[in-house]
Amino acid sequence: MPRVKDNAFIINKTEYGESDLIITLFTAGRGKINTIGKGAKRSRRRFPGSLELFSRVAFNGFIKHPLALTRMDECQLIEPFTAIQEDLHSYFCGCYFLEIINRCCAERQANKALFNLLNDLFTFLATVPHNRNFNCRIRLFELQIITLLGFKPQLSSCLDCGCELDTGKYFNFSPQTGGLVCQSCQPRHPASFSVSRGTINMLNQAHRLDNELRNKLNFTPQVERESARLCRALLRWHSGYNFKSLKIMERYAENDLPVAKTEPALAMCQPKSYNK
């Protein structure tokens, strides 16, 4: 029965019976794994305040069988990122990214670049004020995660006929093909939608930006709107899932809800408790 020791982010947790928790981790060395913490709701010694969402932890346990839940025996807190929990906008954004990882990542496939990106994302959400650049940075994180998941959009030529898309102000993006289609091929893609040249150019350049430029970059409202639609259509197509936390986040933005948090919003995004 091999022992597991790794660093990880807590991306989901579900009550199981009276005292246990099923905890989904994204680990540095093994990717996403589902674990069970026996007595985790009661034990302060083995799990000392370390099982909150977004937390970076060091854990150890055992794998009984490749298809079974990993047994988590102990978990120590490294970085809690508590500031994310204290601000609604950061919290909703963070929950959306947790859902992406939980829904789109295959189990037990290591992705160190994605692990490092989550650390950058949570640091950003915990420390950066919500200035004009905030939504732009969220879009860039969204695009980076899509790329690391293997869903990077093809934005240089038509994926049907292969023609170069070098003229015109608007193009058609097809989530099913994961890229652009020309006007001639567009009728074969009824779910495609229009995207401007400015948005395409910005997304093609985004991968080459360093951190200093990312901190200074601002999207126009059109680029912000179109890039969000493109990224989310891709994620929805590949996952087959409508992200619940995204709906909450969009409702918050539309209605300008108060900052005071009365109930953890992720409760609306998580499955119900399991019963033994």
Protein backbone atom coordinates (compact mmCIF):
# COMPACT_ATOMS: atom_id res chain seq x y z
CA MET A 1 0.00 0.00 0.00
CA PRO A 2 2.06 3.01 -1.28
CA ARG A 3 2.34 6.11 0.84
CA VAL A 4 1.48 9.48 -0.70
CA LYS A 5 3.23 12.70 0.35
CA ASP A 6 2.73 15.86 -1.69
CA ASN A 7 1.81 19.54 -1.73
CA ALA A 8 -1.65 20.40 -2.97
CA PHE A 9 -4.45 22.94 -3.28
CA ILE A 10 -7.87 22.11 -1.85
CA ILE A 11 -10.34 22.52 -4.70
CA ASN A 12 -13.46 20.85 -3.30
CA LYS A 13 -14.72 19.16 -0.15
CA THR A 14 -17.91 17.26 0.65
CA GLU A 15 -19.24 15.93 3.93
CA TYR A 16 -19.35 12.15 4.15
CA GLY A 17 -21.31 10.78 7.06
CA GLU A 18 -21.02 12.36 10.49
CA SER A 19 -17.28 12.96 10.77
CA ASP A 20 -15.53 12.28 7.44
CA LEU A 21 -14.80 14.53 4.46
CA ILE A 22 -14.21 13.71 0.81
CA ILE A 23 -11.56 16.23 -0.26
CA THR A 24 -10.51 16.88 -3.85
CA LEU A 25 -6.91 18.05 -4.19
CA PHE A 26 -4.85 19.35 -7.07
CA THR A 27 -1.36 18.13 -6.24
CA ALA A 28 2.06 19.15 -7.48
CA GLY A 29 3.15 15.63 -8.42
CA ARG A 30 -0.05 13.71 -9.17
CA GLY A 31 -2.56 16.22 -10.50
CA LYS A 32 -6.14 15.95 -9.30
CA ILE A 33 -6.90 13.26 -6.73
CA ASN A 34 -9.92 12.52 -4.55
CA THR A 35 -9.16 11.71 -0.94
CA ILE A 36 -11.12 10.76 2.15
CA GLY A 37 -10.25 12.22 5.52
CA LYS A 38 -11.47 9.90 8.25
CA GLY A 39 -12.65 11.97 11.20
CA ALA A 40 -11.53 15.15 9.42
CA LYS A 41 -14.44 17.20 10.76
CA ARG A 42 -13.44 16.45 14.34
CA SER A 43 -9.67 16.00 14.44
CA ARG A 44 -7.79 19.22 15.25
CA ARG A 45 -4.50 17.38 15.64
CA ARG A 46 -4.30 15.75 12.19
CA PHE A 47 -6.12 18.55 10.31
CA PRO A 48 -5.34 21.80 12.15
CA GLY A 49 -7.38 24.43 10.28
CA SER A 50 -6.05 23.22 6.95
CA LEU A 51 -9.11 22.08 5.00
CA GLU A 52 -10.50 25.35 3.64
CA LEU A 53 -10.94 25.91 -0.08
CA PHE A 54 -7.98 27.52 -1.91
CA SER A 55 -5.55 26.47 0.85
CA ARG A 56 -2.14 25.18 -0.10
CA VAL A 57 -1.31 22.21 2.10
CA ALA A 58 1.19 19.42 2.67
CA PHE A 59 -0.53 16.08 3.16
CA ASN A 60 0.30 12.42 3.50
CA GLY A 61 -1.77 9.27 3.25
CA PHE A 62 -2.15 5.91 1.51
CA ILE A 63 -3.44 4.59 -1.81
CA LYS A 64 -5.18 1.26 -1.25
CA HIS A 65 -6.13 0.71 -4.90
CA PRO A 66 -5.65 2.79 -8.10
CA LEU A 67 -9.43 3.22 -8.42
CA ALA A 68 -10.13 3.83 -4.74
CA LEU A 69 -10.15 7.09 -2.81
CA THR A 70 -6.75 8.03 -1.42
CA ARG A 71 -6.84 7.96 2.39
CA MET A 72 -5.65 11.27 3.81
CA ASP A 73 -4.03 10.68 7.20
CA GLU A 74 -2.63 14.14 7.93
CA CYS A 75 -2.72 17.61 6.41
CA GLN A 76 -0.63 20.66 7.35
CA LEU A 77 -1.37 24.20 6.22
CA ILE A 78 1.25 25.99 4.07
CA GLU A 79 -0.68 29.03 2.77
CA PRO A 80 -4.38 29.66 3.57
CA PHE A 81 -5.11 32.49 1.08
CA THR A 82 -7.76 33.64 3.56
CA ALA A 83 -8.16 37.04 1.86
CA ILE A 84 -9.98 35.29 -1.01
CA GLN A 85 -12.66 34.16 1.43
CA GLU A 86 -13.13 37.71 2.71
CA ASP A 87 -14.05 39.44 -0.56
CA LEU A 88 -17.08 38.42 -2.63
CA HIS A 89 -15.63 39.29 -6.03
CA SER A 90 -12.39 37.40 -5.40
CA TYR A 91 -14.33 34.54 -3.83
CA PHE A 92 -16.69 34.10 -6.79
CA CYS A 93 -13.79 34.29 -9.26
CA GLY A 94 -11.82 31.78 -7.22
CA CYS A 95 -14.78 29.38 -7.03
CA TYR A 96 -15.16 29.56 -10.81
CA PHE A 97 -11.54 28.51 -11.32
CA LEU A 98 -11.91 25.71 -8.76
CA GLU A 99 -14.86 24.40 -10.76
CA ILE A 100 -12.81 24.50 -13.96
CA ILE A 101 -10.06 22.39 -12.39
CA ASN A 102 -12.53 20.01 -10.78
CA ARG A 103 -14.56 19.49 -13.96
CA CYS A 104 -11.91 19.62 -16.69
CA CYS A 105 -8.83 17.92 -15.21
CA ALA A 106 -8.50 14.16 -15.53
CA GLU A 107 -7.59 12.39 -12.31
CA ARG A 108 -3.97 11.54 -11.46
CA GLN A 109 -2.37 13.34 -14.40
CA ALA A 110 0.42 15.59 -13.17
CA ASN A 111 0.54 19.14 -14.52
CA LYS A 112 3.18 21.13 -12.63
CA ALA A 113 2.67 24.22 -14.81
CA LEU A 114 -1.02 24.26 -13.89
CA PHE A 115 -0.17 23.79 -10.20
CA ASN A 116 2.17 26.80 -10.37
CA LEU A 117 -0.46 28.83 -12.21
CA LEU A 118 -3.00 28.13 -9.46
CA ASN A 119 -0.50 29.49 -6.94
CA ASP A 120 -0.12 32.65 -9.04
CA LEU A 121 -3.91 32.96 -9.43
CA PHE A 122 -4.69 32.59 -5.72
CA THR A 123 -1.90 35.01 -4.81
CA PHE A 124 -3.40 37.51 -7.25
CA LEU A 125 -6.95 37.07 -5.90
CA ALA A 126 -5.71 37.42 -2.31
CA THR A 127 -3.56 40.52 -2.78
CA VAL A 128 -4.56 42.60 -5.83
CA PRO A 129 -7.24 45.31 -5.50
CA HIS A 130 -10.19 45.31 -7.88
CA ASN A 131 -8.96 48.05 -10.17
CA ARG A 132 -9.61 48.46 -13.86
CA ASN A 133 -7.01 45.82 -14.69
CA PHE A 134 -8.67 43.12 -12.53
CA ASN A 135 -11.06 41.68 -15.15
CA CYS A 136 -8.31 41.73 -17.77
CA ARG A 137 -6.04 39.66 -15.52
CA ILE A 138 -8.88 37.19 -14.86
CA ARG A 139 -9.33 36.74 -18.62
CA LEU A 140 -5.59 36.09 -19.01
CA PHE A 141 -5.64 33.49 -16.23
CA GLU A 142 -8.66 31.91 -17.91
CA LEU A 143 -6.82 31.70 -21.23
CA GLN A 144 -3.68 30.29 -19.57
CA ILE A 145 -5.66 27.56 -17.83
CA ILE A 146 -7.45 26.67 -21.07
CA THR A 147 -4.08 26.33 -22.79
CA LEU A 148 -2.59 24.16 -20.02
CA LEU A 149 -5.66 21.92 -20.12
CA GLY A 150 -4.97 21.31 -23.83
CA PHE A 151 -7.89 23.39 -25.16
CA LYS A 152 -5.88 26.25 -26.67
CA PRO A 153 -7.96 27.87 -29.45
CA GLN A 154 -6.66 27.98 -33.02
CA LEU A 155 -6.88 31.64 -34.06
CA SER A 156 -4.89 32.00 -37.28
CA SER A 157 -6.74 30.11 -40.03
CA CYS A 158 -10.04 28.39 -40.78
CA LEU A 159 -10.11 24.96 -39.20
CA ASP A 160 -12.40 23.63 -41.95
CA CYS A 161 -10.76 24.70 -45.20
CA GLY A 162 -7.40 25.93 -43.91
CA CYS A 163 -7.57 29.36 -45.53
CA GLU A 164 -5.66 32.18 -43.84
CA LEU A 165 -7.91 34.71 -42.13
CA ASP A 166 -5.92 37.83 -42.93
CA THR A 167 -8.66 40.28 -43.99
CA GLY A 168 -11.84 41.61 -42.47
CA LYS A 169 -12.84 43.08 -39.11
CA TYR A 170 -14.84 40.12 -37.78
CA PHE A 171 -14.41 36.35 -37.76
CA ASN A 172 -16.46 33.39 -36.59
CA PHE A 173 -15.37 31.23 -33.65
CA SER A 174 -16.66 27.67 -33.35
CA PRO A 175 -16.39 26.09 -29.86
CA GLN A 176 -16.88 22.61 -31.34
CA THR A 177 -13.80 22.88 -33.55
CA GLY A 178 -11.88 25.01 -31.06
CA GLY A 179 -11.00 27.72 -33.54
CA LEU A 180 -11.98 30.14 -36.28
CA VAL A 181 -14.03 29.34 -39.37
CA CYS A 182 -14.30 31.50 -42.47
CA GLN A 183 -17.51 32.97 -43.85
CA SER A 184 -17.80 30.18 -46.44
CA CYS A 185 -17.55 27.43 -43.80
CA GLN A 186 -19.61 29.20 -41.13
CA PRO A 187 -23.00 27.69 -42.23
CA ARG A 188 -21.66 24.25 -41.17
CA HIS A 189 -21.10 25.63 -37.65
CA PRO A 190 -24.45 26.96 -36.38
CA ALA A 191 -23.09 27.44 -32.84
CA SER A 192 -20.28 29.75 -34.01
CA PHE A 193 -20.32 33.41 -33.08
CA SER A 194 -18.64 36.60 -34.23
CA VAL A 195 -15.33 37.76 -32.77
CA SER A 196 -13.53 40.97 -33.76
CA ARG A 197 -10.03 41.17 -35.17
CA GLY A 198 -8.93 43.20 -32.14
CA THR A 199 -9.91 40.38 -29.77
CA ILE A 200 -8.21 37.75 -31.97
CA ASN A 201 -5.00 39.80 -32.10
CA MET A 202 -5.02 40.32 -28.33
CA LEU A 203 -5.57 36.62 -27.58
CA ASN A 204 -2.79 35.63 -29.97
CA GLN A 205 -0.41 38.02 -28.20
CA ALA A 206 -1.48 37.09 -24.65
CA HIS A 207 0.80 34.05 -24.40
CA ARG A 208 3.88 36.19 -25.02
CA LEU A 209 3.23 38.76 -22.30
CA ASP A 210 5.47 38.84 -19.25
CA ASN A 211 4.14 39.62 -15.76
CA GLU A 212 5.02 43.32 -15.97
CA LEU A 213 2.97 43.76 -19.13
CA ARG A 214 0.11 41.69 -17.71
CA ASN A 215 -0.08 44.06 -14.75
CA LYS A 216 -0.35 47.07 -17.06
CA LEU A 217 -2.62 45.65 -19.75
CA ASN A 218 -6.25 46.77 -20.02
CA PHE A 219 -8.87 45.33 -22.36
CA THR A 220 -11.45 47.47 -24.07
CA PRO A 221 -15.04 46.57 -23.10
CA GLN A 222 -15.46 44.80 -26.46
CA VAL A 223 -12.30 42.70 -26.06
CA GLU A 224 -13.25 41.90 -22.46
CA ARG A 225 -16.73 40.78 -23.49
CA GLU A 226 -15.68 38.77 -26.53
CA SER A 227 -12.69 37.06 -24.90
CA ALA A 228 -14.86 36.01 -21.93
CA ARG A 229 -17.47 34.54 -24.27
CA LEU A 230 -14.81 32.68 -26.27
CA CYS A 231 -13.05 31.18 -23.25
CA ARG A 232 -16.27 30.14 -21.54
CA ALA A 233 -17.75 28.61 -24.69
CA LEU A 234 -14.60 26.50 -25.05
CA LEU A 235 -14.73 25.33 -21.44
CA ARG A 236 -18.44 24.57 -21.67
CA TRP A 237 -17.94 22.52 -24.84
CA HIS A 238 -15.01 20.48 -23.52
CA SER A 239 -16.51 19.86 -20.08
CA GLY A 240 -20.16 19.48 -21.11
CA TYR A 241 -21.00 21.49 -18.00
CA ASN A 242 -22.50 24.88 -17.20
CA PHE A 243 -20.41 26.25 -14.35
CA LYS A 244 -22.70 27.18 -11.45
CA SER A 245 -20.19 29.55 -9.86
CA LEU A 246 -19.93 31.46 -13.16
CA LYS A 247 -23.67 32.13 -13.07
CA ILE A 248 -23.34 33.44 -9.51
CA MET A 249 -20.36 35.59 -10.46
CA GLU A 250 -22.20 37.08 -13.45
CA ARG A 251 -25.30 37.77 -11.36
CA TYR A 252 -23.11 39.51 -8.79
CA ALA A 253 -21.55 41.71 -11.50
CA GLU A 254 -24.92 42.54 -13.09
CA ASN A 255 -26.73 43.40 -9.86
CA ASP A 256 -23.79 44.97 -7.98
CA LEU A 257 -24.56 42.86 -4.89
CA PRO A 258 -23.28 44.03 -1.48
CA VAL A 259 -19.82 42.95 -0.41
CA ALA A 260 -20.94 41.47 2.93
CA LYS A 261 -20.97 37.68 2.66
CA THR A 262 -23.81 36.06 4.57
CA GLU A 263 -23.37 32.49 3.37
CA PRO A 264 -20.53 30.77 1.49
CA ALA A 265 -21.43 31.06 -2.15
CA LEU A 266 -19.74 27.81 -3.07
CA ALA A 267 -22.43 25.93 -1.16
CA MET A 268 -24.55 26.58 -4.23
CA CYS A 269 -21.83 25.11 -6.43
CA GLN A 270 -21.02 21.92 -4.53
CA PRO A 271 -22.81 18.57 -4.45
CA LYS A 272 -24.85 17.61 -1.42
CA SER A 273 -23.34 15.71 1.46
CA TYR A 274 -22.83 11.98 1.10
CA ASN A 275 -24.33 9.57 3.59
CA LYS A 276 -22.61 6.36 4.51
